[in-house]
Protein backbone atom coordinates (compact mmCIF):
# COMPACT_ATOMS: atom_id res chain seq x y z
CA MET A 1 0.04 0.01 0.04
CA ILE A 2 1.21 3.46 -0.81
CA SER A 3 1.66 5.84 2.13
CA LEU A 4 0.25 9.14 0.91
CA SER A 5 2.02 11.04 3.70
CA LYS A 6 5.41 10.08 2.24
CA ASN A 7 4.19 10.20 -1.33
CA ARG A 8 2.24 13.43 -1.18
CA TRP A 9 3.51 14.27 -4.66
CA ILE A 10 0.83 11.87 -5.99
CA LEU A 11 -1.95 13.99 -4.49
CA VAL A 12 -0.33 17.23 -5.68
CA ALA A 13 0.27 15.91 -9.19
CA THR A 14 -3.39 14.73 -9.33
CA GLY A 15 -4.46 18.27 -8.41
CA HIS A 16 -2.17 19.61 -11.12
CA PHE A 17 -3.75 17.25 -13.65
CA VAL A 18 -7.22 18.47 -12.61
CA LEU A 19 -6.07 22.09 -13.10
CA LEU A 20 -4.68 21.15 -16.56
CA PHE A 21 -8.01 19.57 -17.46
CA PHE A 22 -10.01 22.73 -16.60
CA LEU A 23 -7.31 24.82 -18.33
CA GLY A 24 -7.70 22.80 -21.49
CA GLN A 25 -11.41 23.25 -21.39
CA ALA A 26 -11.09 27.00 -20.84
CA ASN A 27 -8.57 27.31 -23.65
CA HIS A 28 -10.91 25.39 -25.93
CA TYR A 29 -13.71 27.84 -25.34
CA LEU A 30 -11.48 30.91 -25.34
CA SER A 31 -9.75 29.94 -28.61
CA SER A 32 -12.63 31.48 -30.61
CA VAL A 33 -11.61 34.95 -29.30
CA GLY A 34 -7.91 34.24 -29.75
CA VAL A 35 -6.85 33.94 -26.06
CA GLN A 36 -4.94 31.07 -24.61
CA LEU A 37 -4.33 30.83 -20.85
CA PHE A 38 -0.93 29.72 -19.47
CA LEU A 39 -0.97 28.79 -15.79
CA ILE A 40 2.25 26.85 -15.28
CA GLY A 41 3.43 29.34 -12.70
CA MET A 42 0.73 28.29 -10.21
CA LEU A 43 1.78 24.65 -10.51
CA LEU A 44 5.44 25.43 -10.09
CA SER A 45 4.77 27.85 -7.28
CA PHE A 46 2.78 25.42 -5.11
CA SER A 47 5.22 22.60 -5.64
CA ALA A 48 8.27 24.87 -4.93
CA LEU A 49 6.78 26.59 -1.85
CA GLU A 50 4.98 23.78 -0.17
CA LEU A 51 6.91 20.55 -0.94
CA SER A 52 10.42 19.30 -0.44
CA TYR A 53 12.64 19.34 -3.48
CA SER A 54 12.30 15.72 -4.42
CA GLN A 55 8.55 15.64 -3.82
CA GLY A 56 8.21 18.84 -5.89
CA VAL A 57 10.18 17.45 -8.80
CA LEU A 58 8.07 14.27 -8.71
CA SER A 59 4.88 16.33 -8.76
CA ILE A 60 6.03 18.52 -11.64
CA ALA A 61 7.75 16.01 -13.94
CA PRO A 62 4.67 14.11 -15.10
CA ILE A 63 2.79 17.36 -15.75
CA CYS A 64 5.72 18.68 -17.81
CA LEU A 65 5.90 15.47 -19.81
CA ILE A 66 2.17 15.63 -20.62
CA ILE A 67 2.57 19.29 -21.80
CA ASP A 68 5.72 18.28 -23.71
CA SER A 69 3.71 15.79 -25.71
CA LYS A 70 1.38 18.58 -26.87
CA THR A 71 3.89 21.31 -27.89
CA PRO A 72 5.78 21.65 -31.19
CA PHE A 73 9.10 21.96 -29.29
CA PRO A 74 11.56 19.05 -28.99
CA PHE A 75 10.42 16.58 -26.35
CA GLY A 76 11.90 17.54 -22.97
CA TYR A 77 11.99 21.30 -23.59
CA ASN A 78 9.12 21.96 -21.21
CA LEU A 79 10.59 19.59 -18.64
CA ILE A 80 13.95 21.30 -18.64
CA ALA A 81 12.38 24.80 -18.51
CA CYS A 82 9.96 24.02 -15.74
CA LEU A 83 12.46 22.15 -13.63
CA THR A 84 14.89 25.04 -13.97
CA LEU A 85 12.28 27.51 -12.79
CA PHE A 86 11.14 25.14 -10.05
CA THR A 87 14.76 24.74 -8.80
CA ILE A 88 15.24 28.54 -8.76
CA ALA A 89 12.01 29.03 -6.87
CA HIS A 90 12.82 26.23 -4.42
CA ILE A 91 16.26 27.67 -3.71
CA LEU A 92 14.82 31.17 -3.15
CA ARG A 93 11.89 30.04 -0.99
CA SER A 94 13.87 30.62 2.19
CA ARG A 95 13.66 34.34 1.41
CA VAL A 96 9.83 34.25 1.10
CA ARG A 97 7.34 34.00 3.93
CA ARG A 98 5.40 31.04 2.64
CA GLU A 99 2.41 31.45 4.91
CA VAL A 100 1.72 34.92 3.52
CA THR A 101 -0.78 34.88 0.68
CA ALA A 102 0.89 37.79 -1.16
CA SER A 103 4.20 35.88 -1.29
CA ALA A 104 2.57 32.91 -2.91
CA LEU A 105 0.78 35.14 -5.41
CA ALA A 106 3.91 37.07 -6.30
CA THR A 107 5.86 33.88 -6.71
CA SER A 108 3.17 32.39 -8.89
CA ILE A 109 3.00 35.50 -11.10
CA LEU A 110 6.83 35.68 -11.45
CA LEU A 111 7.14 32.00 -12.25
CA ASN A 112 4.25 32.30 -14.78
CA ILE A 113 5.98 35.21 -16.53
CA GLY A 114 9.31 33.24 -16.47
CA ALA A 115 7.65 30.19 -18.00
CA PHE A 116 5.87 32.32 -20.57
CA ALA A 117 9.22 33.92 -21.48
CA ALA A 118 10.82 30.51 -21.76
CA TYR A 119 8.05 29.36 -24.15
CA THR A 120 8.31 32.59 -26.12
CA PHE A 121 12.10 32.20 -26.57
CA GLY A 122 11.55 28.52 -27.42
CA ALA A 123 9.02 29.49 -30.06
CA ILE A 124 11.53 31.98 -31.48
CA ARG A 125 14.27 29.35 -31.49
CA TYR A 126 12.36 26.41 -32.95
CA LEU A 127 9.51 28.08 -34.90
CA GLY A 128 11.06 31.29 -35.97
CA ILE A 129 10.42 34.91 -35.12
CA GLU A 130 7.81 35.30 -37.85
CA SER A 131 5.52 32.87 -35.98
CA LEU A 132 5.02 35.38 -33.18
CA HIS A 133 2.89 38.44 -33.06
CA PHE A 134 3.16 41.07 -30.35
CA VAL A 135 -0.58 41.80 -29.71
CA PRO A 136 -1.78 38.20 -29.32
CA LEU A 137 1.28 37.35 -27.27
CA SER A 138 0.80 40.31 -24.90
CA MET A 139 -2.94 39.66 -24.68
CA ASN A 140 -2.26 36.02 -23.68
CA LEU A 141 0.27 37.10 -21.03
CA LEU A 142 -2.15 39.65 -19.61
CA ALA A 143 -5.05 37.22 -19.51
CA SER A 144 -2.91 34.52 -17.95
CA THR A 145 -1.62 36.96 -15.25
CA LEU A 146 -5.12 38.02 -14.41
CA VAL A 147 -6.30 34.46 -14.11
CA VAL A 148 -3.32 33.60 -11.92
CA THR A 149 -4.10 36.58 -9.80
CA LEU A 150 -7.76 35.60 -9.41
CA PHE A 151 -7.38 31.85 -8.87
CA ASN A 152 -4.04 31.44 -7.12
CA ARG A 153 -5.53 31.58 -3.61
CA ILE A 154 -8.30 29.13 -4.54
CA PHE A 155 -5.75 26.69 -6.08
CA PHE A 156 -3.43 26.84 -3.09
CA ASP A 157 -6.35 26.41 -0.60
CA THR A 158 -7.75 23.50 -2.57
CA GLN A 159 -4.44 21.73 -2.82
CA THR A 160 -3.80 22.26 0.89
CA GLY A 161 -7.33 21.16 1.75
CA VAL A 162 -7.00 17.92 -0.22
CA LEU A 163 -3.70 17.16 1.46
CA SER A 164 -5.25 17.83 4.88
CA ILE A 165 -8.07 15.30 4.12
CA PHE A 166 -5.29 12.71 3.94
CA GLY A 167 -3.72 13.93 7.19
CA ILE A 168 -0.99 16.06 5.69
CA ASN A 169 -0.82 19.51 7.40
CA LEU A 170 1.77 21.56 5.50
CA ALA A 171 1.59 24.62 7.70
CA GLU A 172 2.33 22.54 10.87
CA GLU A 173 5.24 20.78 9.15
CA GLN A 174 6.76 24.09 8.09
CA ARG A 175 6.51 25.45 11.69
CA GLU A 176 8.15 22.27 13.03
CA ALA A 177 10.94 22.50 10.44
CA ARG A 178 12.03 25.93 11.76
């Protein structure tokens, strides 16, 4: 039997998959107006701020591989970009008060912008500069940032609530670690 306390990455990755499902649905309906949402920053932020490094990598890797299978970039590009951003966020998390909502929101927005930039530079490298247009690109970044701003707290609270159902109290563990 799998101990979910030690393998909490399974619960977090499941929550990430659920968010990706709803994101795919939203992008399907928003495609008629030319907007695509990009919410990788919330996934990276939760895993970097709330989990240990190994648990965070395990929760992010399957998500990145799923996204890799759907992008026109070489397979593994998304995995390398996201794990790089995750590692940077995990290293810098000691400078952020994780229990403060504004810190989580700022981290999510910064990681989302960083991932968006990585995807943009990847598109320039692998698809050519002529494939990008400034107005749709900036509109997608603005819409994604607004959605991250609106739903970051809900996402963090939902993930934390699901973990607490299985007896994992992240806030208590962080206090004990200090």
